[in-house]
Amino acid sequence: MPVVIRLARAGTKKRPVYHVVAADSRYPRDGRFIERLGHFNPLMPKDNADRLKLDLDKVKAWLAKGAQPSDRVARFLDAAGIKKRTPRNNPVKAVPRKERKAQAEAAAKS
């Protein structure tokens, strides 16, 4: 049973609130979960302390048991200083072709 720490959507239409939960990865996003670990309200200002509330002891316990955080939760944990997030791969294919060609030519001349 691979356990993930992820966000489960709650709230009303166009007014999202997310619960941070530990859940089996096979369960639906808003479905059954094992334990609620906190909540996240994206509509609040970023500097507001109530925007994200986590029970850090529970989160550390689940990480010790082998639970994997989702990408967004990994960002939260990195900001809280619990788990360091590895940088993501940003491929060169995202850059438009003309710019890639110009960069390649500039690198070849150097």
Protein backbone atom coordinates (compact mmCIF):
# COMPACT_ATOMS: atom_id res chain seq x y z
CA MET A 1 0.00 0.00 0.00
CA PRO A 2 1.98 3.04 -1.21
CA VAL A 3 1.02 5.97 1.01
CA VAL A 4 1.16 9.52 -0.34
CA ILE A 5 0.77 12.84 1.41
CA ARG A 6 -1.37 14.93 -0.90
CA LEU A 7 -4.07 17.58 -1.16
CA ALA A 8 -7.77 16.65 -1.16
CA ARG A 9 -10.10 19.35 -2.45
CA ALA A 10 -12.93 20.62 -0.28
CA GLY A 11 -14.94 23.82 -0.23
CA THR A 12 -17.56 25.06 -2.66
CA LYS A 13 -17.58 25.86 -6.33
CA LYS A 14 -14.87 28.43 -7.16
CA ARG A 15 -13.90 28.65 -3.45
CA PRO A 16 -11.38 25.82 -2.98
CA VAL A 17 -9.95 24.70 0.34
CA TYR A 18 -7.62 21.73 0.47
CA HIS A 19 -7.04 19.19 3.22
CA VAL A 20 -3.52 17.78 3.50
CA VAL A 21 -4.06 14.05 3.93
CA ALA A 22 -2.15 10.79 4.07
CA ALA A 23 -3.89 8.41 1.67
CA ASP A 24 -3.38 5.23 -0.27
CA SER A 25 -2.28 6.25 -3.77
CA ARG A 26 -5.01 4.08 -5.31
CA TYR A 27 -7.83 6.06 -3.66
CA PRO A 28 -9.48 8.98 -5.49
CA ARG A 29 -8.25 12.52 -4.83
CA ASP A 30 -11.28 13.51 -2.75
CA GLY A 31 -12.07 10.00 -1.56
CA ARG A 32 -11.02 7.89 1.36
CA PHE A 33 -7.90 8.83 3.30
CA ILE A 34 -6.01 7.44 6.26
CA GLU A 35 -5.37 10.59 8.30
CA ARG A 36 -5.85 14.35 7.95
CA LEU A 37 -2.58 16.22 8.51
CA GLY A 38 -3.60 19.84 7.95
CA HIS A 39 -5.30 22.24 5.57
CA PHE A 40 -4.41 24.78 2.87
CA ASN A 41 -6.48 27.78 1.75
CA PRO A 42 -5.08 29.21 -1.52
CA LEU A 43 -7.48 32.18 -1.44
CA MET A 44 -5.77 33.74 1.58
CA PRO A 45 -2.82 36.10 1.12
CA LYS A 46 0.57 34.41 1.02
CA ASP A 47 1.79 36.18 4.15
CA ASN A 48 -1.20 35.04 6.24
CA ALA A 49 -0.33 32.41 8.87
CA ASP A 50 -3.71 30.65 8.43
CA ARG A 51 -3.08 29.95 4.72
CA LEU A 52 -1.33 26.67 5.55
CA LYS A 53 -1.67 24.71 8.77
CA LEU A 54 0.21 21.42 9.17
CA ASP A 55 0.57 19.06 12.11
CA LEU A 56 4.33 18.70 11.69
CA ASP A 57 4.63 15.79 14.12
CA LYS A 58 2.13 13.72 12.14
CA VAL A 59 3.81 14.66 8.86
CA LYS A 60 7.24 13.61 10.17
CA ALA A 61 5.77 10.33 11.42
CA TRP A 62 4.28 9.55 8.00
CA LEU A 63 7.52 10.45 6.23
CA ALA A 64 9.38 8.13 8.60
CA LYS A 65 6.95 5.34 7.63
CA GLY A 66 7.82 5.88 3.95
CA ALA A 67 5.00 8.11 2.73
CA GLN A 68 5.84 10.12 -0.39
CA PRO A 69 4.68 13.75 -0.62
CA SER A 70 3.08 15.06 -3.81
CA ASP A 71 4.80 17.88 -5.68
CA ARG A 72 2.77 20.65 -4.04
CA VAL A 73 3.07 19.15 -0.56
CA ALA A 74 6.83 18.74 -1.12
CA ARG A 75 6.98 22.51 -1.71
CA PHE A 76 5.18 23.10 1.60
CA LEU A 77 7.53 20.74 3.45
CA ASP A 78 10.58 22.38 1.89
CA ALA A 79 9.35 25.81 3.02
CA ALA A 80 8.76 24.43 6.52
CA GLY A 81 12.27 22.93 6.56
CA ILE A 82 11.11 19.33 7.02
CA LYS A 83 12.15 17.70 3.76
CA LYS A 84 14.48 19.13 1.13
CA ARG A 85 12.93 19.20 -2.33
CA THR A 86 15.04 18.14 -5.30
CA PRO A 87 15.04 20.56 -8.25
CA ARG A 88 12.86 19.54 -11.16
CA ASN A 89 14.11 18.88 -14.68
CA ASN A 90 13.30 21.78 -16.99
CA PRO A 91 14.00 20.51 -20.50
CA VAL A 92 15.34 22.73 -23.26
CA LYS A 93 12.40 21.72 -25.45
CA ALA A 94 10.27 24.25 -23.60
CA VAL A 95 12.26 27.06 -25.26
CA PRO A 96 11.01 28.04 -28.75
CA ARG A 97 13.03 26.57 -31.62
CA LYS A 98 14.46 29.88 -32.88
CA GLU A 99 15.80 30.76 -29.45
CA ARG A 100 17.30 27.28 -28.99
CA LYS A 101 19.00 27.57 -32.38
CA ALA A 102 20.43 31.00 -31.50
CA GLN A 103 21.68 29.72 -28.14
CA ALA A 104 23.30 26.69 -29.79
CA GLU A 105 25.06 28.89 -32.36
CA ALA A 106 26.27 31.27 -29.63
CA ALA A 107 27.60 28.34 -27.62
CA ALA A 108 29.35 26.92 -30.69
CA LYS A 109 31.10 30.26 -31.39
CA SER A 110 32.36 30.54 -27.80
